Amino acid sequence: MEWISVKDRLPENGQIVRTKIDDEHGCRNDQNLKRGDRLWWLSDGSMYIYYAPTHWMPLLEPPQS
C-alpha cells in the first residue's frame, strides 16, 4: 500500500487508518487514527489528537477489538 496525502483525499469518517506526518522535519507520529469530520481521533475514540496527519493509508487487516 502507498501513502495517500490528505490534500488529495481523506478517509471516510469513522474508518480507522494508519496515519503519519511527513514534512520537512521528517516522518513521525505513525499511528492508527480515525477521522471524525475535521478532527482526528485515537482509534478507540477516547480523545482527539492535537495535530493533523499529512498522510494516511488503509489498514491491511482490521484492528482487533
Protein backbone atom coordinates (compact mmCIF):
# COMPACT_ATOMS: atom_id res chain seq x y z
CA MET A 1 0.00 0.00 0.00
CA GLU A 2 1.11 3.53 -0.67
CA TRP A 3 0.55 6.58 1.48
CA ILE A 4 -2.25 8.95 0.42
CA SER A 5 -1.87 12.67 1.01
CA VAL A 6 -4.73 14.24 2.97
CA LYS A 7 -4.57 17.04 0.37
CA ASP A 8 -5.59 14.51 -2.30
CA ARG A 9 -8.20 12.50 -0.41
CA LEU A 10 -9.47 11.88 3.12
CA PRO A 11 -10.62 8.57 4.56
CA GLU A 12 -14.28 8.07 5.37
CA ASN A 13 -15.49 9.34 8.74
CA GLY A 14 -15.03 6.69 11.41
CA GLN A 15 -12.70 4.49 9.33
CA ILE A 16 -9.56 3.50 11.26
CA VAL A 17 -6.49 4.10 9.11
CA ARG A 18 -2.72 4.26 9.54
CA THR A 19 -1.53 7.89 9.62
CA LYS A 20 1.70 9.85 9.75
CA ILE A 21 3.17 13.31 9.46
CA ASP A 22 5.73 13.55 6.66
CA ASP A 23 7.11 17.04 6.11
CA GLU A 24 10.38 18.98 6.05
CA HIS A 25 11.11 17.71 9.58
CA GLY A 26 10.85 14.04 8.51
CA CYS A 27 8.37 11.24 9.23
CA ARG A 28 6.79 10.99 12.67
CA ASN A 29 3.56 10.25 14.57
CA ASP A 30 2.96 6.97 12.70
CA GLN A 31 -0.17 5.54 14.33
CA ASN A 32 -3.71 4.30 13.74
CA LEU A 33 -6.35 7.02 13.93
CA LYS A 34 -9.86 7.67 12.72
CA ARG A 35 -11.26 10.85 11.25
CA GLY A 36 -14.41 12.49 12.54
CA ASP A 37 -15.24 15.42 10.29
CA ARG A 38 -12.47 17.97 10.96
CA LEU A 39 -10.81 16.17 13.90
CA TRP A 40 -8.64 13.06 14.08
CA TRP A 41 -9.30 10.67 16.97
CA LEU A 42 -7.43 7.81 18.62
CA SER A 43 -8.64 4.55 17.12
CA ASP A 44 -10.71 3.76 20.26
CA GLY A 45 -12.40 7.18 20.05
CA SER A 46 -11.29 8.14 23.56
CA MET A 47 -9.78 11.51 22.60
CA TYR A 48 -8.86 13.64 19.63
CA ILE A 49 -5.28 14.48 18.75
CA TYR A 50 -3.72 17.95 18.65
CA TYR A 51 -2.14 17.68 15.21
CA ALA A 52 -3.28 16.89 11.68
CA PRO A 53 -1.70 13.97 9.81
CA THR A 54 -0.34 14.70 6.35
CA HIS A 55 -0.74 11.14 5.00
CA TRP A 56 -2.84 8.03 5.57
CA MET A 57 -3.33 4.51 4.23
CA PRO A 58 -5.98 1.83 4.73
CA LEU A 59 -5.11 -0.86 7.27
CA LEU A 60 -4.14 -4.22 5.80
CA GLU A 61 -6.14 -6.01 8.50
CA PRO A 62 -8.96 -4.58 10.64
CA PRO A 63 -7.84 -3.72 14.20
CA GLN A 64 -8.69 -6.24 16.90
CA SER A 65 -11.35 -5.13 19.40
